[in-house]
Amino acid sequence: MFCSGRTFFLLTVSFLIVCVHAGPVLSGELEGKVGLKGQGKIVIQSDTLEMDNKKKMVTFTGKVSAKNDDFVMDCEKMVVYYIDAPSKKGSKETSTEIDRIVATGKVEIVRSLGGTASADKAVYHQVLEQLVLTGNPVVKQENNYVEGNRITLFIKEDRSVVEGSGDNRAKAVIFPGQNKGTDQ
């Protein structure tokens, strides 16, 4: 509906890989090339970037914006949690991997090919390949949209679940006949 699961996964992982390997950054701006297929330069800007290797986290605060050719993600705060994982079997070397990403405060995701998602909070779980939107979540494609109390995108499975709660029931507004000829 919003984007193919694999595309969103690759985009998310791409900009997070850049975050974790950033090192010192001036003015809270981060630019880098990422070696994933089809991915180009990603720019993450914020008022402040703080890297804490002891806590294994990178925190972007103040007008956070992550951009590449395929998407723009804006929020007020983004925290990237990472873990050390073995590089190769039998090797004592470790590599850095993303554990989860938490974006809060007016989270907006816009794809260049169309489609948006918004919420007060978005949590991406790397191992589960799952994105959970809470706090007035809405996923839109043209005039079609879904909303509820919680929207979970299961990326590996290319499916989503919209949950309601109390008066805030799951809702889908669909305009039949739109999106013909697309994979959305």
N, C-alpha and C. Protein backbone atom coordinates (compact mmCIF):
# COMPACT_ATOMS: atom_id res chain seq x y z
N MET A 1 0.83 -1.18 0.00
CA MET A 1 0.00 0.00 0.00
C MET A 1 0.87 1.24 0.00
N PHE A 2 1.71 1.42 1.01
CA PHE A 2 2.56 2.61 1.09
C PHE A 2 3.78 2.43 0.19
N CYS A 3 4.51 1.37 0.37
CA CYS A 3 5.63 1.05 -0.49
C CYS A 3 5.91 -0.43 -0.32
N SER A 4 6.63 -1.00 -1.27
CA SER A 4 6.94 -2.41 -1.11
C SER A 4 7.80 -2.56 0.13
N GLY A 5 7.61 -3.65 0.84
CA GLY A 5 8.32 -3.88 2.08
C GLY A 5 9.82 -3.84 1.89
N ARG A 6 10.32 -4.48 0.86
CA ARG A 6 11.77 -4.53 0.63
C ARG A 6 12.33 -3.14 0.35
N THR A 7 11.59 -2.32 -0.41
CA THR A 7 12.07 -0.98 -0.73
C THR A 7 12.20 -0.16 0.54
N PHE A 8 11.18 -0.17 1.39
CA PHE A 8 11.23 0.61 2.62
C PHE A 8 12.36 0.10 3.51
N PHE A 9 12.51 -1.21 3.59
CA PHE A 9 13.58 -1.81 4.39
C PHE A 9 14.95 -1.33 3.91
N LEU A 10 15.19 -1.40 2.61
CA LEU A 10 16.49 -0.98 2.08
C LEU A 10 16.74 0.50 2.32
N LEU A 11 15.71 1.32 2.17
CA LEU A 11 15.88 2.75 2.40
C LEU A 11 16.21 3.02 3.85
N THR A 12 15.49 2.38 4.75
CA THR A 12 15.72 2.59 6.17
C THR A 12 17.11 2.14 6.56
N VAL A 13 17.49 0.94 6.16
CA VAL A 13 18.80 0.41 6.51
C VAL A 13 19.89 1.27 5.89
N SER A 14 19.69 1.77 4.68
CA SER A 14 20.70 2.58 4.02
C SER A 14 21.05 3.81 4.83
N PHE A 15 20.05 4.57 5.24
CA PHE A 15 20.41 5.79 5.94
C PHE A 15 20.88 5.50 7.35
N LEU A 16 20.49 4.38 7.92
CA LEU A 16 20.98 4.05 9.25
C LEU A 16 22.41 3.55 9.24
N ILE A 17 22.80 2.85 8.20
CA ILE A 17 24.19 2.43 8.08
C ILE A 17 25.08 3.66 8.04
N VAL A 18 24.65 4.66 7.31
CA VAL A 18 25.41 5.91 7.25
C VAL A 18 25.50 6.53 8.64
N CYS A 19 24.40 6.51 9.39
CA CYS A 19 24.39 7.11 10.73
C CYS A 19 25.41 6.44 11.65
N VAL A 20 25.42 5.13 11.68
CA VAL A 20 26.25 4.40 12.62
C VAL A 20 27.73 4.57 12.31
N HIS A 21 28.09 4.68 11.06
CA HIS A 21 29.49 4.80 10.68
C HIS A 21 29.91 6.25 10.44
N ALA A 22 29.15 7.19 10.95
CA ALA A 22 29.38 8.59 10.64
C ALA A 22 30.60 9.20 11.31
N GLY A 23 30.81 8.90 12.58
CA GLY A 23 31.89 9.58 13.30
C GLY A 23 31.50 11.02 13.54
N PRO A 24 32.45 11.89 13.78
CA PRO A 24 32.13 13.29 14.04
C PRO A 24 31.53 13.96 12.80
N VAL A 25 30.53 14.76 13.02
CA VAL A 25 29.85 15.45 11.92
C VAL A 25 29.68 16.91 12.30
N LEU A 26 30.00 17.79 11.38
CA LEU A 26 29.85 19.21 11.64
C LEU A 26 28.44 19.66 11.32
N SER A 27 27.90 20.55 12.11
CA SER A 27 26.60 21.19 11.90
C SER A 27 25.45 20.21 11.86
N GLY A 28 25.63 19.01 12.34
CA GLY A 28 24.54 18.04 12.35
C GLY A 28 24.17 17.56 10.97
N GLU A 29 25.02 17.73 9.97
CA GLU A 29 24.70 17.28 8.63
C GLU A 29 25.54 16.05 8.30
N LEU A 30 24.90 15.06 7.69
CA LEU A 30 25.58 13.82 7.39
C LEU A 30 25.35 13.46 5.95
N GLU A 31 26.43 13.24 5.20
CA GLU A 31 26.32 12.83 3.82
C GLU A 31 27.20 11.62 3.62
N GLY A 32 26.75 10.70 2.76
CA GLY A 32 27.59 9.53 2.52
C GLY A 32 27.07 8.70 1.38
N LYS A 33 27.93 7.89 0.84
CA LYS A 33 27.55 6.93 -0.18
C LYS A 33 27.33 5.59 0.50
N VAL A 34 26.29 4.90 0.12
CA VAL A 34 25.98 3.61 0.71
C VAL A 34 26.04 2.56 -0.39
N GLY A 35 26.70 1.44 -0.10
CA GLY A 35 26.92 0.42 -1.11
C GLY A 35 25.80 -0.58 -1.29
N LEU A 36 24.56 -0.16 -1.23
CA LEU A 36 23.45 -1.06 -1.49
C LEU A 36 22.94 -0.82 -2.90
N LYS A 37 22.46 -1.88 -3.53
CA LYS A 37 21.97 -1.76 -4.91
C LYS A 37 20.91 -0.68 -5.01
N GLY A 38 21.06 0.15 -6.00
CA GLY A 38 20.05 1.16 -6.28
C GLY A 38 20.03 2.33 -5.32
N GLN A 39 20.91 2.36 -4.34
CA GLN A 39 20.88 3.44 -3.37
C GLN A 39 22.00 4.42 -3.70
N GLY A 40 21.68 5.68 -3.62
CA GLY A 40 22.67 6.71 -3.87
C GLY A 40 22.98 7.45 -2.59
N LYS A 41 23.31 8.72 -2.75
CA LYS A 41 23.68 9.54 -1.61
C LYS A 41 22.46 9.77 -0.72
N ILE A 42 22.70 9.69 0.58
CA ILE A 42 21.66 9.97 1.56
C ILE A 42 22.16 11.11 2.43
N VAL A 43 21.31 12.08 2.68
CA VAL A 43 21.66 13.22 3.51
C VAL A 43 20.73 13.24 4.70
N ILE A 44 21.32 13.26 5.90
CA ILE A 44 20.53 13.38 7.12
C ILE A 44 20.95 14.68 7.77
N GLN A 45 19.99 15.53 8.04
CA GLN A 45 20.27 16.81 8.68
C GLN A 45 19.46 16.91 9.96
N SER A 46 20.05 17.55 10.95
CA SER A 46 19.36 17.83 12.19
C SER A 46 20.07 19.00 12.86
N ASP A 47 19.42 19.57 13.85
CA ASP A 47 20.08 20.65 14.59
C ASP A 47 21.24 20.09 15.40
N THR A 48 21.07 18.85 15.91
CA THR A 48 22.10 18.22 16.73
C THR A 48 22.21 16.75 16.40
N LEU A 49 23.43 16.25 16.39
CA LEU A 49 23.70 14.82 16.23
C LEU A 49 24.60 14.41 17.38
N GLU A 50 24.21 13.40 18.13
CA GLU A 50 25.02 12.92 19.25
C GLU A 50 25.23 11.43 19.11
N MET A 51 26.49 11.01 19.11
CA MET A 51 26.82 9.60 19.02
C MET A 51 27.35 9.15 20.37
N ASP A 52 26.76 8.10 20.95
CA ASP A 52 27.18 7.57 22.24
C ASP A 52 27.53 6.10 22.06
N ASN A 53 28.83 5.82 21.90
CA ASN A 53 29.26 4.44 21.65
C ASN A 53 29.07 3.54 22.86
N LYS A 54 29.12 4.07 24.08
CA LYS A 54 28.88 3.25 25.27
C LYS A 54 27.45 2.75 25.30
N LYS A 55 26.51 3.63 24.98
CA LYS A 55 25.09 3.24 24.96
C LYS A 55 24.68 2.65 23.61
N LYS A 56 25.60 2.68 22.65
CA LYS A 56 25.38 2.17 21.30
C LYS A 56 24.13 2.81 20.66
N MET A 57 24.20 4.14 20.59
CA MET A 57 23.08 4.86 19.99
C MET A 57 23.55 6.16 19.34
N VAL A 58 22.81 6.56 18.32
CA VAL A 58 23.03 7.84 17.66
C VAL A 58 21.70 8.59 17.75
N THR A 59 21.74 9.83 18.23
CA THR A 59 20.53 10.62 18.42
C THR A 59 20.59 11.87 17.55
N PHE A 60 19.59 12.04 16.72
CA PHE A 60 19.42 13.25 15.91
C PHE A 60 18.26 14.01 16.52
N THR A 61 18.43 15.30 16.78
CA THR A 61 17.33 16.09 17.34
C THR A 61 17.20 17.42 16.61
N GLY A 62 15.99 17.92 16.59
CA GLY A 62 15.71 19.23 16.00
C GLY A 62 15.61 19.20 14.50
N LYS A 63 14.40 19.21 14.00
CA LYS A 63 14.15 19.27 12.55
C LYS A 63 14.95 18.21 11.80
N VAL A 64 14.78 16.96 12.18
CA VAL A 64 15.49 15.86 11.55
C VAL A 64 14.90 15.60 10.17
N SER A 65 15.77 15.49 9.18
CA SER A 65 15.33 15.20 7.82
C SER A 65 16.33 14.25 7.16
N ALA A 66 15.83 13.11 6.72
CA ALA A 66 16.66 12.14 6.00
C ALA A 66 16.13 12.08 4.57
N LYS A 67 17.03 12.28 3.59
CA LYS A 67 16.60 12.36 2.19
C LYS A 67 17.51 11.55 1.30
N ASN A 68 16.91 10.91 0.30
CA ASN A 68 17.65 10.37 -0.84
C ASN A 68 16.75 10.50 -2.05
N ASP A 69 17.08 9.86 -3.15
CA ASP A 69 16.28 10.00 -4.37
C ASP A 69 14.90 9.37 -4.23
N ASP A 70 14.73 8.45 -3.29
CA ASP A 70 13.49 7.69 -3.18
C ASP A 70 12.53 8.16 -2.10
N PHE A 71 13.02 8.85 -1.07
CA PHE A 71 12.15 9.20 0.03
C PHE A 71 12.68 10.41 0.80
N VAL A 72 11.79 10.98 1.61
CA VAL A 72 12.14 12.01 2.59
C VAL A 72 11.45 11.59 3.89
N MET A 73 12.21 11.57 4.98
CA MET A 73 11.63 11.29 6.29
C MET A 73 11.96 12.45 7.20
N ASP A 74 10.92 13.07 7.76
CA ASP A 74 11.09 14.19 8.67
C ASP A 74 10.51 13.82 10.04
N CYS A 75 11.16 14.27 11.09
CA CYS A 75 10.66 14.09 12.45
C CYS A 75 11.39 15.07 13.36
N GLU A 76 10.99 15.10 14.62
CA GLU A 76 11.65 16.00 15.56
C GLU A 76 12.85 15.34 16.22
N LYS A 77 12.80 14.00 16.37
CA LYS A 77 13.90 13.29 17.01
C LYS A 77 13.99 11.88 16.44
N MET A 78 15.21 11.43 16.19
CA MET A 78 15.44 10.07 15.70
C MET A 78 16.59 9.46 16.51
N VAL A 79 16.34 8.28 17.07
CA VAL A 79 17.37 7.58 17.82
C VAL A 79 17.62 6.24 17.13
N VAL A 80 18.88 5.99 16.80
CA VAL A 80 19.28 4.75 16.16
C VAL A 80 20.05 3.94 17.19
N TYR A 81 19.54 2.75 17.50
CA TYR A 81 20.21 1.85 18.45
C TYR A 81 20.92 0.78 17.63
N TYR A 82 22.17 0.52 17.98
CA TYR A 82 22.93 -0.48 17.23
C TYR A 82 23.57 -1.49 18.17
N ILE A 83 23.98 -2.61 17.59
CA ILE A 83 24.60 -3.70 18.35
C ILE A 83 25.85 -4.14 17.62
N ASP A 84 26.75 -4.77 18.35
CA ASP A 84 27.93 -5.38 17.75
C ASP A 84 27.59 -6.84 17.48
N ALA A 85 27.87 -7.28 16.29
CA ALA A 85 27.59 -8.66 15.90
C ALA A 85 28.85 -9.26 15.29
N PRO A 86 29.04 -10.57 15.43
CA PRO A 86 30.21 -11.20 14.82
C PRO A 86 30.22 -11.00 13.31
N SER A 87 31.41 -10.70 12.76
CA SER A 87 31.54 -10.48 11.32
C SER A 87 31.48 -11.79 10.55
N LYS A 88 32.29 -12.76 10.97
CA LYS A 88 32.37 -14.04 10.29
C LYS A 88 32.45 -15.14 11.32
N LYS A 89 32.03 -16.32 10.94
CA LYS A 89 32.12 -17.45 11.85
C LYS A 89 33.58 -17.69 12.23
N GLY A 90 33.82 -17.87 13.52
CA GLY A 90 35.17 -18.14 13.99
C GLY A 90 36.04 -16.91 14.13
N SER A 91 35.57 -15.76 13.66
CA SER A 91 36.36 -14.52 13.72
C SER A 91 36.05 -13.79 15.02
N LYS A 92 37.06 -13.12 15.57
CA LYS A 92 36.86 -12.32 16.77
C LYS A 92 36.42 -10.90 16.43
N GLU A 93 36.44 -10.56 15.15
CA GLU A 93 36.03 -9.23 14.71
C GLU A 93 34.51 -9.10 14.81
N THR A 94 34.07 -7.87 15.03
CA THR A 94 32.63 -7.62 15.07
C THR A 94 32.29 -6.54 14.06
N SER A 95 31.04 -6.52 13.68
CA SER A 95 30.54 -5.46 12.81
C SER A 95 29.38 -4.79 13.54
N THR A 96 29.05 -3.61 13.11
CA THR A 96 27.96 -2.87 13.72
C THR A 96 26.69 -3.09 12.91
N GLU A 97 25.62 -3.45 13.61
CA GLU A 97 24.33 -3.66 12.96
C GLU A 97 23.27 -2.85 13.69
N ILE A 98 22.25 -2.47 12.95
CA ILE A 98 21.14 -1.72 13.52
C ILE A 98 20.25 -2.68 14.30
N ASP A 99 19.88 -2.29 15.52
CA ASP A 99 18.92 -3.04 16.31
C ASP A 99 17.52 -2.49 16.06
N ARG A 100 17.36 -1.18 16.31
CA ARG A 100 16.06 -0.54 16.07
C ARG A 100 16.26 0.96 15.90
N ILE A 101 15.24 1.58 15.33
CA ILE A 101 15.23 3.03 15.11
C ILE A 101 13.93 3.55 15.69
N VAL A 102 14.01 4.62 16.43
CA VAL A 102 12.82 5.23 17.00
C VAL A 102 12.76 6.68 16.53
N ALA A 103 11.74 7.00 15.75
CA ALA A 103 11.52 8.38 15.28
C ALA A 103 10.28 8.91 16.00
N THR A 104 10.39 10.10 16.58
CA THR A 104 9.27 10.68 17.31
C THR A 104 9.05 12.13 16.92
N GLY A 105 7.84 12.58 17.18
CA GLY A 105 7.50 13.97 16.94
C GLY A 105 7.20 14.29 15.50
N LYS A 106 5.94 14.27 15.14
CA LYS A 106 5.50 14.65 13.79
C LYS A 106 6.27 13.90 12.70
N VAL A 107 6.27 12.58 12.79
CA VAL A 107 6.97 11.74 11.82
C VAL A 107 6.21 11.78 10.49
N GLU A 108 6.91 12.13 9.43
CA GLU A 108 6.35 12.18 8.08
C GLU A 108 7.30 11.47 7.12
N ILE A 109 6.77 10.53 6.35
CA ILE A 109 7.57 9.83 5.35
C ILE A 109 6.89 10.04 4.00
N VAL A 110 7.64 10.53 3.03
CA VAL A 110 7.10 10.80 1.70
C VAL A 110 7.99 10.09 0.67
N ARG A 111 7.37 9.25 -0.16
CA ARG A 111 8.10 8.57 -1.24
C ARG A 111 8.06 9.43 -2.49
N SER A 112 9.15 9.44 -3.24
CA SER A 112 9.17 10.20 -4.49
C SER A 112 8.21 9.61 -5.51
N LEU A 113 7.92 8.32 -5.44
CA LEU A 113 6.98 7.67 -6.35
C LEU A 113 5.53 7.81 -5.91
N GLY A 114 5.32 8.48 -4.79
CA GLY A 114 3.97 8.66 -4.27
C GLY A 114 3.76 7.83 -3.02
N GLY A 115 2.89 8.28 -2.19
CA GLY A 115 2.58 7.59 -0.96
C GLY A 115 3.23 8.28 0.22
N THR A 116 2.48 8.36 1.32
CA THR A 116 2.99 8.98 2.53
C THR A 116 2.58 8.17 3.74
N ALA A 117 3.28 8.38 4.83
CA ALA A 117 2.91 7.82 6.13
C ALA A 117 3.19 8.90 7.16
N SER A 118 2.34 8.97 8.16
CA SER A 118 2.57 9.93 9.23
C SER A 118 2.12 9.32 10.55
N ALA A 119 2.76 9.75 11.63
CA ALA A 119 2.44 9.28 12.97
C ALA A 119 3.19 10.15 13.97
N ASP A 120 2.84 10.00 15.24
CA ASP A 120 3.59 10.68 16.28
C ASP A 120 4.88 9.93 16.58
N LYS A 121 4.85 8.60 16.32
CA LYS A 121 6.01 7.77 16.62
C LYS A 121 6.11 6.63 15.61
N ALA A 122 7.33 6.34 15.17
CA ALA A 122 7.58 5.21 14.27
C ALA A 122 8.76 4.43 14.86
N VAL A 123 8.59 3.12 15.03
CA VAL A 123 9.65 2.27 15.55
C VAL A 123 9.92 1.18 14.52
N TYR A 124 11.18 1.13 14.07
CA TYR A 124 11.59 0.11 13.12
C TYR A 124 12.44 -0.92 13.87
N HIS A 125 12.02 -2.20 13.80
CA HIS A 125 12.75 -3.30 14.43
C HIS A 125 13.49 -4.07 13.35
N GLN A 126 14.82 -3.99 13.38
CA GLN A 126 15.67 -4.58 12.34
C GLN A 126 15.47 -6.09 12.21
N VAL A 127 15.63 -6.84 13.31
CA VAL A 127 15.59 -8.29 13.24
C VAL A 127 14.23 -8.78 12.75
N LEU A 128 13.18 -8.16 13.24
CA LEU A 128 11.82 -8.55 12.85
C LEU A 128 11.42 -7.98 11.49
N GLU A 129 12.18 -7.02 10.99
CA GLU A 129 11.84 -6.29 9.76
C GLU A 129 10.39 -5.81 9.85
N GLN A 130 10.17 -4.96 10.84
CA GLN A 130 8.82 -4.52 11.16
C GLN A 130 8.84 -3.04 11.52
N LEU A 131 7.89 -2.29 10.99
CA LEU A 131 7.74 -0.87 11.29
C LEU A 131 6.40 -0.68 11.98
N VAL A 132 6.42 -0.06 13.17
CA VAL A 132 5.20 0.16 13.94
C VAL A 132 4.97 1.66 14.05
N LEU A 133 3.81 2.11 13.57
CA LEU A 133 3.42 3.52 13.63
C LEU A 133 2.34 3.68 14.69
N THR A 134 2.53 4.61 15.62
CA THR A 134 1.53 4.87 16.66
C THR A 134 1.35 6.37 16.82
N GLY A 135 0.27 6.73 17.51
CA GLY A 135 -0.02 8.16 17.70
C GLY A 135 -0.59 8.75 16.43
N ASN A 136 -1.85 8.51 16.17
CA ASN A 136 -2.54 9.02 14.97
C ASN A 136 -1.89 8.57 13.66
N PRO A 137 -1.58 7.29 13.51
CA PRO A 137 -0.92 6.85 12.28
C PRO A 137 -1.87 6.84 11.08
N VAL A 138 -1.33 7.27 9.93
CA VAL A 138 -2.08 7.28 8.68
C VAL A 138 -1.10 6.89 7.57
N VAL A 139 -1.52 5.98 6.71
CA VAL A 139 -0.74 5.62 5.53
C VAL A 139 -1.62 5.93 4.32
N LYS A 140 -1.08 6.73 3.36
CA LYS A 140 -1.86 7.19 2.21
C LYS A 140 -1.18 6.83 0.90
N GLN A 141 -2.00 6.55 -0.10
CA GLN A 141 -1.55 6.40 -1.48
C GLN A 141 -2.62 7.08 -2.32
N GLU A 142 -2.27 8.21 -2.92
CA GLU A 142 -3.22 9.08 -3.62
C GLU A 142 -4.37 9.41 -2.66
N ASN A 143 -5.63 9.15 -3.04
CA ASN A 143 -6.76 9.46 -2.17
C ASN A 143 -7.07 8.33 -1.19
N ASN A 144 -6.49 7.15 -1.40
CA ASN A 144 -6.72 6.00 -0.54
C ASN A 144 -5.89 6.13 0.73
N TYR A 145 -6.46 5.70 1.86
CA TYR A 145 -5.68 5.73 3.09
C TYR A 145 -6.23 4.76 4.13
N VAL A 146 -5.37 4.43 5.08
CA VAL A 146 -5.78 3.64 6.24
C VAL A 146 -5.32 4.40 7.48
N GLU A 147 -6.08 4.24 8.55
CA GLU A 147 -5.72 4.86 9.82
C GLU A 147 -6.27 4.02 10.95
N GLY A 148 -5.77 4.24 12.13
CA GLY A 148 -6.21 3.48 13.29
C GLY A 148 -5.43 3.92 14.51
N ASN A 149 -5.37 3.04 15.50
CA ASN A 149 -4.62 3.31 16.71
C ASN A 149 -3.16 2.93 16.54
N ARG A 150 -2.93 1.89 15.72
CA ARG A 150 -1.57 1.36 15.50
C ARG A 150 -1.54 0.71 14.12
N ILE A 151 -0.51 1.03 13.35
CA ILE A 151 -0.31 0.40 12.04
C ILE A 151 1.04 -0.29 12.07
N THR A 152 1.04 -1.59 11.78
CA THR A 152 2.27 -2.37 11.76
C THR A 152 2.52 -2.85 10.34
N LEU A 153 3.70 -2.54 9.81
CA LEU A 153 4.10 -2.99 8.49
C LEU A 153 5.09 -4.14 8.67
N PHE A 154 4.70 -5.34 8.23
CA PHE A 154 5.56 -6.52 8.31
C PHE A 154 6.30 -6.61 6.98
N ILE A 155 7.51 -6.13 6.96
CA ILE A 155 8.25 -5.93 5.72
C ILE A 155 8.59 -7.24 5.03
N LYS A 156 9.08 -8.23 5.78
CA LYS A 156 9.43 -9.53 5.19
C LYS A 156 8.22 -10.17 4.52
N GLU A 157 7.07 -9.99 5.13
CA GLU A 157 5.85 -10.64 4.65
C GLU A 157 5.07 -9.77 3.67
N ASP A 158 5.49 -8.54 3.43
CA ASP A 158 4.80 -7.61 2.54
C ASP A 158 3.32 -7.51 2.90
N ARG A 159 3.06 -7.28 4.21
CA ARG A 159 1.69 -7.13 4.68
C ARG A 159 1.65 -6.09 5.78
N SER A 160 0.46 -5.63 6.11
CA SER A 160 0.31 -4.67 7.19
C SER A 160 -0.95 -4.98 7.98
N VAL A 161 -0.96 -4.51 9.23
CA VAL A 161 -2.11 -4.69 10.11
C VAL A 161 -2.44 -3.33 10.69
N VAL A 162 -3.71 -2.95 10.59
CA VAL A 162 -4.18 -1.71 11.17
C VAL A 162 -5.08 -2.09 12.34
N GLU A 163 -4.72 -1.61 13.54
CA GLU A 163 -5.47 -1.93 14.74
C GLU A 163 -6.21 -0.70 15.25
N GLY A 164 -7.42 -0.93 15.72
CA GLY A 164 -8.18 0.12 16.34
C GLY A 164 -8.24 -0.10 17.83
N SER A 165 -8.76 0.89 18.54
CA SER A 165 -8.91 0.78 19.98
C SER A 165 -10.01 1.73 20.42
N GLY A 166 -11.01 1.19 21.11
CA GLY A 166 -12.11 2.03 21.58
C GLY A 166 -12.81 2.73 20.44
N ASP A 167 -12.94 4.03 20.53
CA ASP A 167 -13.60 4.81 19.49
C ASP A 167 -12.73 5.00 18.26
N ASN A 168 -11.44 4.77 18.38
CA ASN A 168 -10.51 4.93 17.26
C ASN A 168 -10.36 3.60 16.53
N ARG A 169 -11.39 3.22 15.80
CA ARG A 169 -11.40 1.93 15.11
C ARG A 169 -10.56 2.01 13.83
N ALA A 170 -10.10 0.84 13.38
CA ALA A 170 -9.35 0.77 12.11
C ALA A 170 -10.26 1.26 10.99
N LYS A 171 -9.70 2.05 10.08
CA LYS A 171 -10.49 2.65 9.02
C LYS A 171 -9.70 2.62 7.72
N ALA A 172 -10.36 2.23 6.65
CA ALA A 172 -9.76 2.29 5.31
C ALA A 172 -10.70 3.06 4.41
N VAL A 173 -10.16 4.00 3.66
CA VAL A 173 -10.92 4.74 2.67
C VAL A 173 -10.28 4.41 1.32
N ILE A 174 -11.07 3.77 0.47
CA ILE A 174 -10.55 3.27 -0.81
C ILE A 174 -11.40 3.80 -1.94
N PHE A 175 -10.74 4.30 -2.96
CA PHE A 175 -11.40 4.77 -4.16
C PHE A 175 -11.12 3.77 -5.27
N PRO A 176 -12.05 2.85 -5.54
CA PRO A 176 -11.82 1.82 -6.56
C PRO A 176 -11.48 2.44 -7.91
N GLY A 177 -10.62 1.75 -8.64
CA GLY A 177 -10.25 2.20 -9.97
C GLY A 177 -8.98 3.03 -10.01
N GLN A 178 -8.49 3.49 -8.87
CA GLN A 178 -7.24 4.23 -8.84
C GLN A 178 -6.08 3.28 -8.74
N ASN A 179 -4.91 3.77 -9.07
CA ASN A 179 -3.67 3.01 -8.97
C ASN A 179 -3.58 1.86 -9.96
N LYS A 180 -4.37 1.87 -11.00
CA LYS A 180 -4.26 0.80 -12.00
C LYS A 180 -2.92 0.88 -12.70
N GLY A 181 -2.33 -0.27 -12.90
CA GLY A 181 -1.05 -0.33 -13.61
C GLY A 181 0.13 -0.06 -12.70
N THR A 182 -0.08 0.01 -11.39
CA THR A 182 1.03 0.18 -10.46
C THR A 182 1.08 -0.99 -9.51
N ASP A 183 2.18 -1.11 -8.79
CA ASP A 183 2.31 -2.19 -7.82
C ASP A 183 1.95 -1.73 -6.42
N GLN A 184 1.31 -0.59 -6.29
CA GLN A 184 0.95 -0.07 -4.97
C GLN A 184 -0.31 -0.71 -4.46
